[in-house]
N, C-alpha and C. Protein backbone atom coordinates (compact mmCIF):
# COMPACT_ATOMS: atom_id res chain seq x y z
N MET A 1 -15.41 -14.49 3.55
CA MET A 1 -15.64 -13.07 3.66
C MET A 1 -17.14 -12.78 3.69
N ALA A 2 -17.49 -11.74 4.38
CA ALA A 2 -18.88 -11.35 4.46
C ALA A 2 -19.30 -10.66 3.17
N HIS A 3 -20.54 -10.88 2.79
CA HIS A 3 -21.09 -10.21 1.61
C HIS A 3 -21.67 -8.88 2.07
N THR A 4 -21.18 -7.81 1.48
CA THR A 4 -21.66 -6.49 1.84
C THR A 4 -22.24 -5.81 0.61
N ALA A 5 -22.96 -4.75 0.85
CA ALA A 5 -23.55 -4.00 -0.25
C ALA A 5 -22.44 -3.30 -1.03
N PRO A 6 -22.59 -3.20 -2.34
CA PRO A 6 -21.56 -2.52 -3.13
C PRO A 6 -21.49 -1.04 -2.77
N ARG A 7 -20.29 -0.50 -2.91
CA ARG A 7 -20.11 0.93 -2.63
C ARG A 7 -20.76 1.75 -3.72
N ARG A 8 -21.31 2.86 -3.32
CA ARG A 8 -21.90 3.78 -4.29
C ARG A 8 -20.93 4.92 -4.50
N SER A 9 -20.61 5.17 -5.74
CA SER A 9 -19.69 6.28 -6.01
C SER A 9 -20.48 7.58 -6.06
N THR A 10 -19.84 8.63 -5.63
CA THR A 10 -20.48 9.93 -5.66
C THR A 10 -20.38 10.48 -7.07
N PRO A 11 -21.34 11.30 -7.47
CA PRO A 11 -21.30 11.87 -8.82
C PRO A 11 -20.02 12.69 -9.04
N GLY A 12 -19.46 12.54 -10.21
CA GLY A 12 -18.27 13.32 -10.54
C GLY A 12 -16.96 12.64 -10.18
N THR A 13 -16.99 11.47 -9.56
CA THR A 13 -15.76 10.77 -9.24
C THR A 13 -15.62 9.57 -10.16
N ARG A 14 -14.39 9.19 -10.40
CA ARG A 14 -14.17 8.01 -11.21
C ARG A 14 -13.36 7.01 -10.42
N ARG A 15 -13.67 5.75 -10.57
CA ARG A 15 -12.97 4.68 -9.87
C ARG A 15 -12.34 3.78 -10.92
N THR A 16 -11.03 3.69 -10.90
CA THR A 16 -10.37 2.83 -11.89
C THR A 16 -9.97 1.50 -11.28
N GLY A 17 -10.03 1.37 -9.95
CA GLY A 17 -9.65 0.12 -9.32
C GLY A 17 -8.19 0.05 -8.96
N ARG A 18 -7.40 1.06 -9.31
CA ARG A 18 -5.98 1.07 -8.98
C ARG A 18 -5.63 2.35 -8.26
N ARG A 19 -4.72 2.24 -7.32
CA ARG A 19 -4.26 3.42 -6.60
C ARG A 19 -3.07 4.02 -7.34
N HIS A 20 -2.90 5.30 -7.14
CA HIS A 20 -1.71 5.97 -7.66
C HIS A 20 -0.50 5.41 -6.91
N PRO A 21 0.64 5.22 -7.58
CA PRO A 21 1.82 4.68 -6.89
C PRO A 21 2.25 5.49 -5.67
N ALA A 22 2.05 6.80 -5.72
CA ALA A 22 2.42 7.63 -4.56
C ALA A 22 1.54 7.29 -3.36
N VAL A 23 0.27 7.00 -3.59
CA VAL A 23 -0.63 6.64 -2.50
C VAL A 23 -0.20 5.31 -1.89
N ALA A 24 0.13 4.36 -2.75
CA ALA A 24 0.59 3.06 -2.26
C ALA A 24 1.88 3.21 -1.46
N THR A 25 2.77 4.06 -1.92
CA THR A 25 4.03 4.29 -1.21
C THR A 25 3.76 4.92 0.15
N LEU A 26 2.88 5.91 0.19
CA LEU A 26 2.56 6.55 1.47
C LEU A 26 1.89 5.58 2.44
N MET A 27 1.17 4.61 1.91
CA MET A 27 0.55 3.62 2.78
C MET A 27 1.58 2.64 3.32
N ALA A 28 2.61 2.35 2.54
CA ALA A 28 3.61 1.36 2.96
C ALA A 28 4.70 1.94 3.85
N LEU A 29 4.96 3.24 3.75
CA LEU A 29 6.04 3.84 4.52
C LEU A 29 5.89 3.67 6.03
N PRO A 30 4.72 3.88 6.62
CA PRO A 30 4.62 3.68 8.08
C PRO A 30 4.98 2.26 8.51
N LEU A 31 4.57 1.27 7.73
CA LEU A 31 4.91 -0.11 8.06
C LEU A 31 6.42 -0.33 7.94
N ALA A 32 7.02 0.23 6.92
CA ALA A 32 8.46 0.09 6.75
C ALA A 32 9.21 0.73 7.92
N LEU A 33 8.76 1.89 8.36
CA LEU A 33 9.41 2.55 9.50
C LEU A 33 9.20 1.75 10.78
N LEU A 34 8.02 1.18 10.95
CA LEU A 34 7.77 0.35 12.13
C LEU A 34 8.68 -0.87 12.13
N LEU A 35 8.83 -1.51 10.98
CA LEU A 35 9.74 -2.66 10.89
C LEU A 35 11.17 -2.25 11.20
N LEU A 36 11.56 -1.08 10.76
CA LEU A 36 12.91 -0.60 11.04
C LEU A 36 13.11 -0.43 12.54
N LEU A 37 12.12 0.14 13.21
CA LEU A 37 12.26 0.36 14.65
C LEU A 37 12.18 -0.95 15.45
N VAL A 38 11.28 -1.84 15.06
CA VAL A 38 11.08 -3.07 15.82
C VAL A 38 12.25 -4.03 15.63
N PHE A 39 12.67 -4.22 14.39
CA PHE A 39 13.71 -5.20 14.12
C PHE A 39 15.09 -4.59 14.01
N ASP A 40 15.17 -3.28 14.01
CA ASP A 40 16.44 -2.55 14.01
C ASP A 40 17.37 -3.04 12.89
N GLY A 41 16.85 -3.07 11.68
CA GLY A 41 17.70 -3.51 10.59
C GLY A 41 17.24 -2.97 9.25
N TRP A 42 18.20 -2.59 8.43
CA TRP A 42 17.90 -2.08 7.10
C TRP A 42 17.44 -3.20 6.17
N GLU A 43 17.82 -4.44 6.47
CA GLU A 43 17.44 -5.54 5.60
C GLU A 43 15.92 -5.70 5.54
N THR A 44 15.27 -5.51 6.67
CA THR A 44 13.82 -5.63 6.72
C THR A 44 13.17 -4.53 5.90
N VAL A 45 13.69 -3.32 6.02
CA VAL A 45 13.14 -2.20 5.24
C VAL A 45 13.36 -2.44 3.76
N ALA A 46 14.52 -2.95 3.39
CA ALA A 46 14.80 -3.23 1.98
C ALA A 46 13.87 -4.31 1.45
N THR A 47 13.60 -5.32 2.25
CA THR A 47 12.68 -6.38 1.84
C THR A 47 11.28 -5.83 1.64
N GLN A 48 10.84 -4.98 2.56
CA GLN A 48 9.51 -4.39 2.45
C GLN A 48 9.41 -3.51 1.21
N ALA A 49 10.43 -2.70 0.96
CA ALA A 49 10.44 -1.83 -0.21
C ALA A 49 10.42 -2.66 -1.49
N SER A 50 11.13 -3.76 -1.48
CA SER A 50 11.15 -4.64 -2.64
C SER A 50 9.77 -5.23 -2.88
N SER A 51 9.09 -5.61 -1.82
CA SER A 51 7.74 -6.17 -1.94
C SER A 51 6.76 -5.13 -2.49
N VAL A 52 6.88 -3.91 -2.03
CA VAL A 52 6.01 -2.84 -2.53
C VAL A 52 6.29 -2.60 -4.00
N GLY A 53 7.56 -2.60 -4.37
CA GLY A 53 7.90 -2.41 -5.78
C GLY A 53 7.35 -3.52 -6.65
N ALA A 54 7.36 -4.75 -6.13
CA ALA A 54 6.81 -5.88 -6.88
C ALA A 54 5.30 -5.74 -7.04
N MET A 55 4.62 -5.24 -5.99
CA MET A 55 3.17 -5.05 -6.08
C MET A 55 2.83 -3.97 -7.11
N LEU A 56 3.69 -2.96 -7.20
CA LEU A 56 3.44 -1.88 -8.15
C LEU A 56 3.82 -2.28 -9.57
N GLY A 57 4.46 -3.42 -9.71
CA GLY A 57 4.83 -3.90 -11.03
C GLY A 57 6.12 -3.31 -11.54
N ARG A 58 6.98 -2.89 -10.66
CA ARG A 58 8.26 -2.30 -11.07
C ARG A 58 9.34 -3.33 -11.06
């Protein structure tokens, strides 16, 4: 990986290093829908949802 300059946070914002679960879900939904359309199967969507749940620690 390339070494880049660290990000500078703007005053008044806090960075905890973790995303809100709703944000992670909104990021994963387009991929899940794409998999549903490409592979035409609920199994793929269920697998993707399971993977997202595992990443969220559920």
